[in-house]
Each structure stands twice: as C-alpha cells, then as structure tokens.
C-alpha cells in the first residue's frame, strides 16, 4: 500500500519559503517515512480543538499539518511551519 502526498498551495509556498536544509529535511521525511508507511497515523499525532480531524507530523522544530484521506490513500498537507507559528 503506497501513500501519496499532496500539498495545498499555501503549504507548498510555506515549504518553499524555508531554508534549503530545512526543505530537504522535510522532503526526506515525506519520501522516506510518510510515503512508505503502512499507516501514516503511526508517525503523527491527532490534533484537537480548532484543528480536530487533522494530523501533525514533527520534523525537528518544524511541523506539517495534514489530513489523512484513507479512501484515496492521500496525505494532504495544509500547513508547514515552525512549531511556534504553524497552529495560528
């Protein structure tokens, strides 16, 4: 079972605005861990409150907020940012 990753346009822009080493680290996490995972929920944590229904994935001090769509095996990333700012 292979998962694919899609980015919301704002998340793609947020990722592009990061420093190159951070971009590579996040992309490596996506390619080596998320896409190959049998269940991407094992790598993240469910969010609550205003972000209920979304999952967070931690890459150092950086976070990705995503929806896991089981019907199409897609991880849809809606936000990428530093842990202090990504939930605002």
PDB file of N, CA and C in Angstrom:
ATOM      1  N   UNK A   1       0.840  -1.164   0.000  1.00  0.00           N
ATOM      2  CA  UNK A   1       0.000   0.000   0.000  1.00  0.00           C
ATOM      3  C   UNK A   1       0.896   1.242   0.000  1.00  0.00           C
ATOM      4  N   UNK A   2       0.811   2.043  -1.050  1.00  0.00           N
ATOM      5  CA  UNK A   2       1.655   3.227  -1.169  1.00  0.00           C
ATOM      6  C   UNK A   2       0.811   4.486  -1.035  1.00  0.00           C
ATOM      7  N   UNK A   3       1.205   5.335  -0.145  1.00  0.00           N
ATOM      8  CA  UNK A   3       0.527   6.607   0.069  1.00  0.00           C
ATOM      9  C   UNK A   3       1.146   7.652  -0.836  1.00  0.00           C
ATOM     10  N   UNK A   4       0.364   8.620  -1.238  1.00  0.00           N
ATOM     11  CA  UNK A   4       0.906   9.755  -1.972  1.00  0.00           C
ATOM     12  C   UNK A   4       0.675  11.011  -1.135  1.00  0.00           C
ATOM     13  N   UNK A   5       1.461  12.012  -1.407  1.00  0.00           N
ATOM     14  CA  UNK A   5       1.392  13.264  -0.648  1.00  0.00           C
ATOM     15  C   UNK A   5       1.030  14.382  -1.610  1.00  0.00           C
ATOM     16  N   UNK A   6       0.041  15.173  -1.211  1.00  0.00           N
ATOM     17  CA  UNK A   6      -0.343  16.361  -1.969  1.00  0.00           C
ATOM     18  C   UNK A   6      -0.260  17.559  -1.046  1.00  0.00           C
ATOM     19  N   UNK A   7       0.076  18.705  -1.626  1.00  0.00           N
ATOM     20  CA  UNK A   7       0.207  19.942  -0.854  1.00  0.00           C
ATOM     21  C   UNK A   7      -0.881  20.925  -1.256  1.00  0.00           C
ATOM     22  N   UNK A   8      -1.461  21.577  -0.266  1.00  0.00           N
ATOM     23  CA  UNK A   8      -2.294  22.750  -0.515  1.00  0.00           C
ATOM     24  C   UNK A   8      -1.342  23.814  -1.059  1.00  0.00           C
ATOM     25  N   UNK A   9      -1.816  24.722  -1.888  1.00  0.00           N
ATOM     26  CA  UNK A   9      -0.930  25.725  -2.488  1.00  0.00           C
ATOM     27  C   UNK A   9      -0.234  26.580  -1.428  1.00  0.00           C
ATOM     28  N   UNK A  10      -0.932  26.901  -0.339  1.00  0.00           N
ATOM     29  CA  UNK A  10      -0.310  27.693   0.737  1.00  0.00           C
ATOM     30  C   UNK A  10       0.802  26.902   1.418  1.00  0.00           C
ATOM     31  N   UNK A  11       0.601  25.599   1.617  1.00  0.00           N
ATOM     32  CA  UNK A  11       1.627  24.762   2.244  1.00  0.00           C
ATOM     33  C   UNK A  11       2.845  24.643   1.338  1.00  0.00           C
ATOM     34  N   UNK A  12       2.616  24.542   0.043  1.00  0.00           N
ATOM     35  CA  UNK A  12       3.735  24.485  -0.915  1.00  0.00           C
ATOM     36  C   UNK A  12       4.552  25.775  -0.823  1.00  0.00           C
ATOM     37  N   UNK A  13       3.876  26.924  -0.730  1.00  0.00           N
ATOM     38  CA  UNK A  13       4.568  28.205  -0.605  1.00  0.00           C
ATOM     39  C   UNK A  13       5.317  28.307   0.721  1.00  0.00           C
ATOM     40  N   UNK A  14       4.710  27.815   1.798  1.00  0.00           N
ATOM     41  CA  UNK A  14       5.371  27.845   3.106  1.00  0.00           C
ATOM     42  C   UNK A  14       6.634  26.992   3.089  1.00  0.00           C
ATOM     43  N   UNK A  15       6.571  25.843   2.455  1.00  0.00           N
ATOM     44  CA  UNK A  15       7.750  24.974   2.354  1.00  0.00           C
ATOM     45  C   UNK A  15       8.833  25.641   1.516  1.00  0.00           C
ATOM     46  N   UNK A  16       8.451  26.272   0.422  1.00  0.00           N
ATOM     47  CA  UNK A  16       9.422  26.931  -0.463  1.00  0.00           C
ATOM     48  C   UNK A  16      10.101  28.120   0.226  1.00  0.00           C
ATOM     49  N   UNK A  17       9.435  28.723   1.197  1.00  0.00           N
ATOM     50  CA  UNK A  17       9.999  29.885   1.887  1.00  0.00           C
ATOM     51  C   UNK A  17      11.025  29.505   2.956  1.00  0.00           C
ATOM     52  N   UNK A  18      11.105  28.228   3.304  1.00  0.00           N
ATOM     53  CA  UNK A  18      12.045  27.784   4.333  1.00  0.00           C
ATOM     54  C   UNK A  18      13.464  27.695   3.779  1.00  0.00           C
ATOM     55  N   UNK A  19      14.437  27.670   4.696  1.00  0.00           N
ATOM     56  CA  UNK A  19      15.831  27.495   4.291  1.00  0.00           C
ATOM     57  C   UNK A  19      15.993  26.158   3.577  1.00  0.00           C
ATOM     58  N   UNK A  20      16.934  26.103   2.669  1.00  0.00           N
ATOM     59  CA  UNK A  20      17.157  24.909   1.852  1.00  0.00           C
ATOM     60  C   UNK A  20      17.399  23.643   2.681  1.00  0.00           C
ATOM     61  N   UNK A  21      18.249  23.678   3.736  1.00  0.00           N
ATOM     62  CA  UNK A  21      18.454  22.459   4.528  1.00  0.00           C
ATOM     63  C   UNK A  21      17.175  21.974   5.214  1.00  0.00           C
ATOM     64  N   UNK A  22      16.326  22.900   5.650  1.00  0.00           N
ATOM     65  CA  UNK A  22      15.066  22.527   6.294  1.00  0.00           C
ATOM     66  C   UNK A  22      14.129  21.907   5.264  1.00  0.00           C
ATOM     67  N   UNK A  23      14.081  22.490   4.077  1.00  0.00           N
ATOM     68  CA  UNK A  23      13.258  21.934   2.998  1.00  0.00           C
ATOM     69  C   UNK A  23      13.658  20.492   2.704  1.00  0.00           C
ATOM     70  N   UNK A  24      14.961  20.273   2.592  1.00  0.00           N
ATOM     71  CA  UNK A  24      15.458  18.923   2.289  1.00  0.00           C
ATOM     72  C   UNK A  24      15.116  17.944   3.405  1.00  0.00           C
ATOM     73  N   UNK A  25      15.229  18.397   4.647  1.00  0.00           N
ATOM     74  CA  UNK A  25      14.921  17.521   5.786  1.00  0.00           C
ATOM     75  C   UNK A  25      13.441  17.124   5.794  1.00  0.00           C
ATOM     76  N   UNK A  26      12.574  18.080   5.536  1.00  0.00           N
ATOM     77  CA  UNK A  26      11.141  17.794   5.489  1.00  0.00           C
ATOM     78  C   UNK A  26      10.816  16.890   4.314  1.00  0.00           C
ATOM     79  N   UNK A  27      11.393  17.176   3.150  1.00  0.00           N
ATOM     80  CA  UNK A  27      11.129  16.348   1.969  1.00  0.00           C
ATOM     81  C   UNK A  27      11.635  14.920   2.165  1.00  0.00           C
ATOM     82  N   UNK A  28      12.777  14.775   2.824  1.00  0.00           N
ATOM     83  CA  UNK A  28      13.302  13.436   3.112  1.00  0.00           C
ATOM     84  C   UNK A  28      12.362  12.675   4.053  1.00  0.00           C
ATOM     85  N   UNK A  29      11.805  13.363   5.058  1.00  0.00           N
ATOM     86  CA  UNK A  29      10.831  12.736   5.955  1.00  0.00           C
ATOM     87  C   UNK A  29       9.618  12.248   5.168  1.00  0.00           C
ATOM     88  N   UNK A  30       9.144  13.086   4.278  1.00  0.00           N
ATOM     89  CA  UNK A  30       7.985  12.711   3.455  1.00  0.00           C
ATOM     90  C   UNK A  30       8.312  11.503   2.589  1.00  0.00           C
ATOM     91  N   UNK A  31       9.430  11.555   1.882  1.00  0.00           N
ATOM     92  CA  UNK A  31       9.796  10.488   0.939  1.00  0.00           C
ATOM     93  C   UNK A  31      10.146   9.171   1.624  1.00  0.00           C
ATOM     94  N   UNK A  32      10.896   9.251   2.709  1.00  0.00           N
ATOM     95  CA  UNK A  32      11.413   8.033   3.333  1.00  0.00           C
ATOM     96  C   UNK A  32      10.484   7.454   4.403  1.00  0.00           C
ATOM     97  N   UNK A  33       9.649   8.277   5.018  1.00  0.00           N
ATOM     98  CA  UNK A  33       8.830   7.763   6.113  1.00  0.00           C
ATOM     99  C   UNK A  33       7.343   7.779   5.797  1.00  0.00           C
ATOM    100  N   UNK A  34       6.806   8.925   5.414  1.00  0.00           N
ATOM    101  CA  UNK A  34       5.362   9.019   5.197  1.00  0.00           C
ATOM    102  C   UNK A  34       4.887   8.171   4.028  1.00  0.00           C
ATOM    103  N   UNK A  35       5.505   8.338   2.884  1.00  0.00           N
ATOM    104  CA  UNK A  35       5.067   7.640   1.676  1.00  0.00           C
ATOM    105  C   UNK A  35       5.195   6.129   1.831  1.00  0.00           C
ATOM    106  N   UNK A  36       6.215   5.680   2.505  1.00  0.00           N
ATOM    107  CA  UNK A  36       6.465   4.244   2.661  1.00  0.00           C
ATOM    108  C   UNK A  36       5.717   3.605   3.829  1.00  0.00           C
ATOM    109  N   UNK A  37       5.068   4.407   4.620  1.00  0.00           N
ATOM    110  CA  UNK A  37       4.402   3.900   5.820  1.00  0.00           C
ATOM    111  C   UNK A  37       3.135   3.108   5.473  1.00  0.00           C
ATOM    112  N   UNK A  38       2.908   2.041   6.210  1.00  0.00           N
ATOM    113  CA  UNK A  38       1.666   1.282   6.046  1.00  0.00           C
ATOM    114  C   UNK A  38       0.493   2.083   6.609  1.00  0.00           C
ATOM    115  N   UNK A  39       0.728   2.820   7.685  1.00  0.00           N
ATOM    116  CA  UNK A  39      -0.297   3.678   8.283  1.00  0.00           C
ATOM    117  C   UNK A  39       0.378   4.972   8.743  1.00  0.00           C
ATOM    118  N   UNK A  40       0.174   6.077   8.024  1.00  0.00           N
ATOM    119  CA  UNK A  40       0.849   7.329   8.383  1.00  0.00           C
ATOM    120  C   UNK A  40       0.435   7.882   9.739  1.00  0.00           C
ATOM    121  N   UNK A  41      -0.647   7.383  10.294  1.00  0.00           N
ATOM    122  CA  UNK A  41      -1.067   7.851  11.618  1.00  0.00           C
ATOM    123  C   UNK A  41      -0.084   7.423  12.709  1.00  0.00           C
ATOM    124  N   UNK A  42       0.666   6.373  12.476  1.00  0.00           N
ATOM    125  CA  UNK A  42       1.656   5.916  13.456  1.00  0.00           C
ATOM    126  C   UNK A  42       2.799   6.913  13.604  1.00  0.00           C
ATOM    127  N   UNK A  43       3.025   7.732  12.597  1.00  0.00           N
ATOM    128  CA  UNK A  43       4.129   8.686  12.624  1.00  0.00           C
ATOM    129  C   UNK A  43       3.721  10.059  13.156  1.00  0.00           C
ATOM    130  N   UNK A  44       2.416  10.307  13.262  1.00  0.00           N
ATOM    131  CA  UNK A  44       1.944  11.621  13.677  1.00  0.00           C
ATOM    132  C   UNK A  44       1.068  11.552  14.901  1.00  0.00           C
ATOM    133  N   UNK A  45       0.456  12.689  15.208  1.00  0.00           N
ATOM    134  CA  UNK A  45      -0.475  12.771  16.328  1.00  0.00           C
ATOM    135  C   UNK A  45      -1.730  13.483  15.867  1.00  0.00           C
ATOM    136  N   UNK A  46      -2.858  13.021  16.352  1.00  0.00           N
ATOM    137  CA  UNK A  46      -4.127  13.665  16.039  1.00  0.00           C
ATOM    138  C   UNK A  46      -4.209  15.000  16.770  1.00  0.00           C
ATOM    139  N   UNK A  47      -4.720  15.999  16.089  1.00  0.00           N
ATOM    140  CA  UNK A  47      -4.888  17.314  16.693  1.00  0.00           C
ATOM    141  C   UNK A  47      -6.302  17.456  17.241  1.00  0.00           C
ATOM    142  N   UNK A  48      -6.459  18.370  18.174  1.00  0.00           N
ATOM    143  CA  UNK A  48      -7.759  18.619  18.792  1.00  0.00           C
ATOM    144  C   UNK A  48      -8.114  20.091  18.645  1.00  0.00           C
ATOM    145  N   UNK A  49      -9.255  20.464  19.169  1.00  0.00           N
ATOM    146  CA  UNK A  49      -9.667  21.867  19.140  1.00  0.00           C
ATOM    147  C   UNK A  49      -9.990  22.322  17.733  1.00  0.00           C
ATOM    148  N   UNK A  50      -9.499  23.490  17.379  1.00  0.00           N
ATOM    149  CA  UNK A  50      -9.767  24.062  16.059  1.00  0.00           C
ATOM    150  C   UNK A  50      -9.209  23.198  14.931  1.00  0.00           C
ATOM    151  N   UNK A  51      -8.200  22.401  15.224  1.00  0.00           N
ATOM    152  CA  UNK A  51      -7.568  21.543  14.216  1.00  0.00           C
ATOM    153  C   UNK A  51      -8.048  20.094  14.299  1.00  0.00           C
ATOM    154  N   UNK A  52      -9.159  19.833  14.941  1.00  0.00           N
ATOM    155  CA  UNK A  52      -9.684  18.465  15.052  1.00  0.00           C
ATOM    156  C   UNK A  52      -9.897  17.884  13.654  1.00  0.00           C
ATOM    157  N   UNK A  53      -9.509  16.629  13.476  1.00  0.00           N
ATOM    158  CA  UNK A  53      -9.611  15.972  12.179  1.00  0.00           C
ATOM    159  C   UNK A  53      -8.328  16.031  11.372  1.00  0.00           C
ATOM    160  N   UNK A  54      -7.351  16.787  11.866  1.00  0.00           N
ATOM    161  CA  UNK A  54      -6.059  16.903  11.197  1.00  0.00           C
ATOM    162  C   UNK A  54      -5.000  16.166  12.009  1.00  0.00           C
ATOM    163  N   UNK A  55      -3.881  15.898  11.364  1.00  0.00           N
ATOM    164  CA  UNK A  55      -2.750  15.224  12.000  1.00  0.00           C
ATOM    165  C   UNK A  55      -1.531  16.108  11.899  1.00  0.00           C
ATOM    166  N   UNK A  56      -0.670  16.041  12.915  1.00  0.00           N
ATOM    167  CA  UNK A  56       0.587  16.785  12.857  1.00  0.00           C
ATOM    168  C   UNK A  56       1.734  15.803  12.714  1.00  0.00           C
ATOM    169  N   UNK A  57       2.705  16.214  11.936  1.00  0.00           N
ATOM    170  CA  UNK A  57       3.932  15.443  11.763  1.00  0.00           C
ATOM    171  C   UNK A  57       5.087  16.340  12.156  1.00  0.00           C
ATOM    172  N   UNK A  58       5.949  15.812  12.991  1.00  0.00           N
ATOM    173  CA  UNK A  58       7.048  16.560  13.579  1.00  0.00           C
ATOM    174  C   UNK A  58       8.348  16.234  12.876  1.00  0.00           C
ATOM    175  N   UNK A  59       9.055  17.278  12.440  1.00  0.00           N
ATOM    176  CA  UNK A  59      10.376  17.135  11.846  1.00  0.00           C
ATOM    177  C   UNK A  59      11.259  18.173  12.537  1.00  0.00           C
ATOM    178  N   UNK A  60      11.879  17.760  13.627  1.00  0.00           N
ATOM    179  CA  UNK A  60      12.651  18.703  14.438  1.00  0.00           C
ATOM    180  C   UNK A  60      11.723  19.748  15.026  1.00  0.00           C
ATOM    181  N   UNK A  61      12.056  21.036  14.827  1.00  0.00           N
ATOM    182  CA  UNK A  61      11.215  22.127  15.311  1.00  0.00           C
ATOM    183  C   UNK A  61      10.133  22.508  14.304  1.00  0.00           C
ATOM    184  N   UNK A  62      10.056  21.801  13.207  1.00  0.00           N
ATOM    185  CA  UNK A  62       9.109  22.106  12.142  1.00  0.00           C
ATOM    186  C   UNK A  62       7.937  21.144  12.189  1.00  0.00           C
ATOM    187  N   UNK A  63       6.765  21.640  11.785  1.00  0.00           N
ATOM    188  CA  UNK A  63       5.555  20.828  11.813  1.00  0.00           C
ATOM    189  C   UNK A  63       4.861  20.877  10.464  1.00  0.00           C
ATOM    190  N   UNK A  64       4.224  19.756  10.135  1.00  0.00           N
ATOM    191  CA  UNK A  64       3.336  19.695   8.983  1.00  0.00           C
ATOM    192  C   UNK A  64       1.959  19.329   9.514  1.00  0.00           C
ATOM    193  N   UNK A  65       0.944  20.042   9.092  1.00  0.00           N
ATOM    194  CA  UNK A  65      -0.427  19.715   9.459  1.00  0.00           C
ATOM    195  C   UNK A  65      -1.084  19.140   8.214  1.00  0.00           C
ATOM    196  N   UNK A  66      -1.711  17.968   8.387  1.00  0.00           N
ATOM    197  CA  UNK A  66      -2.241  17.266   7.225  1.00  0.00           C
ATOM    198  C   UNK A  66      -3.544  16.561   7.532  1.00  0.00           C
ATOM    199  N   UNK A  67      -4.268  16.264   6.468  1.00  0.00           N
ATOM    200  CA  UNK A  67      -5.434  15.389   6.539  1.00  0.00           C
ATOM    201  C   UNK A  67      -5.014  14.057   5.937  1.00  0.00           C
ATOM    202  N   UNK A  68      -5.446  12.974   6.553  1.00  0.00           N
ATOM    203  CA  UNK A  68      -5.174  11.646   6.020  1.00  0.00           C
ATOM    204  C   UNK A  68      -6.458  11.160   5.368  1.00  0.00           C
ATOM    205  N   UNK A  69      -6.410  10.972   4.060  1.00  0.00           N
ATOM    206  CA  UNK A  69      -7.594  10.567   3.297  1.00  0.00           C
ATOM    207  C   UNK A  69      -7.457   9.093   2.913  1.00  0.00           C
ATOM    208  N   UNK A  70      -8.101   8.250   3.708  1.00  0.00           N
ATOM    209  CA  UNK A  70      -7.995   6.809   3.520  1.00  0.00           C
ATOM    210  C   UNK A  70      -8.612   6.317   2.214  1.00  0.00           C
ATOM    211  N   UNK A  71      -9.677   6.962   1.774  1.00  0.00           N
ATOM    212  CA  UNK A  71     -10.372   6.490   0.583  1.00  0.00           C
ATOM    213  C   UNK A  71      -9.511   6.556  -0.669  1.00  0.00           C
ATOM    214  N   UNK A  72      -8.571   7.505  -0.718  1.00  0.00           N
ATOM    215  CA  UNK A  72      -7.699   7.636  -1.887  1.00  0.00           C
ATOM    216  C   UNK A  72      -6.218   7.453  -1.554  1.00  0.00           C
ATOM    217  N   UNK A  73      -5.894   7.074  -0.309  1.00  0.00           N
ATOM    218  CA  UNK A  73      -4.514   6.888   0.152  1.00  0.00           C
ATOM    219  C   UNK A  73      -3.666   8.140  -0.100  1.00  0.00           C
ATOM    220  N   UNK A  74      -4.191   9.271   0.364  1.00  0.00           N
ATOM    221  CA  UNK A  74      -3.505  10.550   0.182  1.00  0.00           C
ATOM    222  C   UNK A  74      -3.291  11.209   1.536  1.00  0.00           C
ATOM    223  N   UNK A  75      -2.117  11.786   1.691  1.00  0.00           N
ATOM    224  CA  UNK A  75      -1.824  12.643   2.837  1.00  0.00           C
ATOM    225  C   UNK A  75      -1.802  14.060   2.270  1.00  0.00           C
ATOM    226  N   UNK A  76      -2.780  14.867   2.660  1.00  0.00           N
ATOM    227  CA  UNK A  76      -2.949  16.215   2.112  1.00  0.00           C
ATOM    228  C   UNK A  76      -2.414  17.225   3.112  1.00  0.00           C
ATOM    229  N   UNK A  77      -1.268  17.808   2.822  1.00  0.00           N
ATOM    230  CA  UNK A  77      -0.600  18.736   3.731  1.00  0.00           C
ATOM    231  C   UNK A  77      -1.157  20.140   3.514  1.00  0.00           C
ATOM    232  N   UNK A  78      -1.669  20.732   4.611  1.00  0.00           N
ATOM    233  CA  UNK A  78      -2.288  22.054   4.516  1.00  0.00           C
ATOM    234  C   UNK A  78      -1.438  23.176   5.104  1.00  0.00           C
ATOM    235  N   UNK A  79      -0.510  22.856   5.999  1.00  0.00           N
ATOM    236  CA  UNK A  79       0.372  23.859   6.601  1.00  0.00           C
ATOM    237  C   UNK A  79       1.748  23.266   6.846  1.00  0.00           C
ATOM    238  N   UNK A  80       2.767  24.093   6.701  1.00  0.00           N
ATOM    239  CA  UNK A  80       4.145  23.734   7.031  1.00  0.00           C
ATOM    240  C   UNK A  80       4.748  24.949   7.709  1.00  0.00           C
ATOM    241  N   UNK A  81       5.332  24.753   8.897  1.00  0.00           N
ATOM    242  CA  UNK A  81       5.932  25.894   9.570  1.00  0.00           C
ATOM    243  C   UNK A  81       6.609  25.523  10.869  1.00  0.00           C
ATOM    244  N   UNK A  82       7.186  26.520  11.493  1.00  0.00           N
ATOM    245  CA  UNK A  82       7.839  26.353  12.779  1.00  0.00           C
ATOM    246  C   UNK A  82       6.781  26.063  13.837  1.00  0.00           C
ATOM    247  N   UNK A  83       7.136  25.318  14.835  1.00  0.00           N
ATOM    248  CA  UNK A  83       6.168  24.882  15.856  1.00  0.00           C
ATOM    249  C   UNK A  83       5.518  26.042  16.589  1.00  0.00           C
ATOM    250  N   UNK A  84       6.188  27.191  16.670  1.00  0.00           N
ATOM    251  CA  UNK A  84       5.608  28.356  17.356  1.00  0.00           C
ATOM    252  C   UNK A  84       4.491  29.009  16.542  1.00  0.00           C
ATOM    253  N   UNK A  85       4.532  28.859  15.213  1.00  0.00           N
ATOM    254  CA  UNK A  85       3.642  29.642  14.362  1.00  0.00           C
ATOM    255  C   UNK A  85       2.640  28.815  13.561  1.00  0.00           C
ATOM    256  N   UNK A  86       2.864  27.548  13.408  1.00  0.00           N
ATOM    257  CA  UNK A  86       2.069  26.764  12.459  1.00  0.00           C
ATOM    258  C   UNK A  86       0.610  26.581  12.861  1.00  0.00           C
ATOM    259  N   UNK A  87       0.306  26.652  14.137  1.00  0.00           N
ATOM    260  CA  UNK A  87      -1.063  26.420  14.588  1.00  0.00           C
ATOM    261  C   UNK A  87      -1.930  27.670  14.616  1.00  0.00           C
ATOM    262  N   UNK A  88      -1.355  28.810  14.306  1.00  0.00           N
ATOM    263  CA  UNK A  88      -2.105  30.088  14.344  1.00  0.00           C
ATOM    264  C   UNK A  88      -2.980  30.241  13.131  1.00  0.00           C
TER     265      UNK A  88
END
